[in-house]
Amino acid sequence: MFAVTELGGSLHIGLAALGSAIGVGLIGMKAAEATGRNPGAAGEIRNMAIIFAALAEGVVFFAIFIAPK
């Protein structure tokens, strides 16, 4: 029973990390696309992409803190 609980605790952290990685990749892809369409707004697009990437990565920290000890 303990092994199942331990696996479940690690599983949600791994899924959160996977989702975060996919999210950051999509943010980077769309930021590059937006910069290609409007090079004049590159600075603003970069700033928003950094903020959104940090928010997406924050999900992993919540998953780690919620993990059963």
C-alpha atoms as a PDB file:
ATOM      1  CA  MET A   1       0.000   0.000   0.000  1.00  0.00           C
ATOM      2  CA  PHE A   2       2.847   2.400   0.763  1.00  0.00           C
ATOM      3  CA  ALA A   3       4.364   1.903  -2.712  1.00  0.00           C
ATOM      4  CA  VAL A   4       1.085   2.895  -4.372  1.00  0.00           C
ATOM      5  CA  THR A   5       0.889   6.050  -2.264  1.00  0.00           C
ATOM      6  CA  GLU A   6       4.495   6.937  -3.058  1.00  0.00           C
ATOM      7  CA  LEU A   7       3.912   6.394  -6.764  1.00  0.00           C
ATOM      8  CA  GLY A   8       0.823   8.576  -6.686  1.00  0.00           C
ATOM      9  CA  GLY A   9       2.727  11.355  -4.950  1.00  0.00           C
ATOM     10  CA  SER A  10       5.505  11.291  -7.490  1.00  0.00           C
ATOM     11  CA  LEU A  11       3.107  10.893 -10.391  1.00  0.00           C
ATOM     12  CA  HIS A  12       1.341  14.202  -9.898  1.00  0.00           C
ATOM     13  CA  ILE A  13       4.680  16.034  -9.680  1.00  0.00           C
ATOM     14  CA  GLY A  14       5.838  14.419 -12.906  1.00  0.00           C
ATOM     15  CA  LEU A  15       2.600  15.259 -14.686  1.00  0.00           C
ATOM     16  CA  ALA A  16       2.806  18.852 -13.474  1.00  0.00           C
ATOM     17  CA  ALA A  17       6.386  19.096 -14.739  1.00  0.00           C
ATOM     18  CA  LEU A  18       5.380  17.614 -18.089  1.00  0.00           C
ATOM     19  CA  GLY A  19       2.474  20.028 -18.441  1.00  0.00           C
ATOM     20  CA  SER A  20       4.682  22.933 -17.467  1.00  0.00           C
ATOM     21  CA  ALA A  21       7.300  21.968 -20.055  1.00  0.00           C
ATOM     22  CA  ILE A  22       4.665  21.715 -22.766  1.00  0.00           C
ATOM     23  CA  GLY A  23       3.209  25.068 -21.712  1.00  0.00           C
ATOM     24  CA  VAL A  24       6.577  26.825 -21.781  1.00  0.00           C
ATOM     25  CA  GLY A  25       7.258  25.331 -25.213  1.00  0.00           C
ATOM     26  CA  LEU A  26       3.945  26.622 -26.536  1.00  0.00           C
ATOM     27  CA  ILE A  27       4.621  30.047 -25.045  1.00  0.00           C
ATOM     28  CA  GLY A  28       8.020  30.176 -26.738  1.00  0.00           C
ATOM     29  CA  MET A  29       6.573  29.002 -30.052  1.00  0.00           C
ATOM     30  CA  LYS A  30       3.813  31.588 -30.047  1.00  0.00           C
ATOM     31  CA  ALA A  31       6.166  34.361 -28.878  1.00  0.00           C
ATOM     32  CA  ALA A  32       8.509  33.607 -31.772  1.00  0.00           C
ATOM     33  CA  GLU A  33       5.553  33.574 -34.161  1.00  0.00           C
ATOM     34  CA  ALA A  34       4.252  36.891 -32.822  1.00  0.00           C
ATOM     35  CA  THR A  35       7.702  38.467 -33.068  1.00  0.00           C
ATOM     36  CA  GLY A  36       7.974  37.303 -36.672  1.00  0.00           C
ATOM     37  CA  ARG A  37       4.631  38.899 -37.487  1.00  0.00           C
ATOM     38  CA  ASN A  38       5.380  42.174 -35.674  1.00  0.00           C
ATOM     39  CA  PRO A  39       9.105  42.758 -35.039  1.00  0.00           C
ATOM     40  CA  GLY A  40       8.415  46.203 -33.587  1.00  0.00           C
ATOM     41  CA  ALA A  41       6.683  44.646 -30.593  1.00  0.00           C
ATOM     42  CA  ALA A  42       9.487  42.198 -29.826  1.00  0.00           C
ATOM     43  CA  GLY A  43      10.311  43.725 -26.442  1.00  0.00           C
ATOM     44  CA  GLU A  44       6.744  43.659 -25.188  1.00  0.00           C
ATOM     45  CA  ILE A  45       6.206  40.138 -26.510  1.00  0.00           C
ATOM     46  CA  ARG A  46       9.399  38.938 -24.809  1.00  0.00           C
ATOM     47  CA  ASN A  47       8.374  40.464 -21.482  1.00  0.00           C
ATOM     48  CA  MET A  48       4.938  38.855 -21.604  1.00  0.00           C
ATOM     49  CA  ALA A  49       6.441  35.499 -22.622  1.00  0.00           C
ATOM     50  CA  ILE A  50       8.840  35.556 -19.661  1.00  0.00           C
ATOM     51  CA  ILE A  51       6.012  36.350 -17.236  1.00  0.00           C
ATOM     52  CA  PHE A  52       3.740  33.648 -18.649  1.00  0.00           C
ATOM     53  CA  ALA A  53       6.568  31.078 -18.642  1.00  0.00           C
ATOM     54  CA  ALA A  54       7.248  31.836 -14.973  1.00  0.00           C
ATOM     55  CA  LEU A  55       3.553  31.369 -14.172  1.00  0.00           C
ATOM     56  CA  ALA A  56       3.499  28.050 -16.038  1.00  0.00           C
ATOM     57  CA  GLU A  57       6.575  26.833 -14.159  1.00  0.00           C
ATOM     58  CA  GLY A  58       5.016  27.876 -10.855  1.00  0.00           C
ATOM     59  CA  VAL A  59       2.561  25.000 -11.192  1.00  0.00           C
ATOM     60  CA  VAL A  60       5.414  22.555 -10.526  1.00  0.00           C
ATOM     61  CA  PHE A  61       6.231  24.263  -7.243  1.00  0.00           C
ATOM     62  CA  PHE A  62       2.622  23.960  -6.133  1.00  0.00           C
ATOM     63  CA  ALA A  63       2.716  20.258  -7.010  1.00  0.00           C
ATOM     64  CA  ILE A  64       5.912  19.779  -4.980  1.00  0.00           C
ATOM     65  CA  PHE A  65       4.467  21.573  -1.941  1.00  0.00           C
ATOM     66  CA  ILE A  66       1.239  19.578  -2.092  1.00  0.00           C
ATOM     67  CA  ALA A  67       3.103  16.255  -2.374  1.00  0.00           C
ATOM     68  CA  PRO A  68       2.475  13.886   0.532  1.00  0.00           C
ATOM     69  CA  LYS A  69       5.439  13.541   2.852  1.00  0.00           C
END
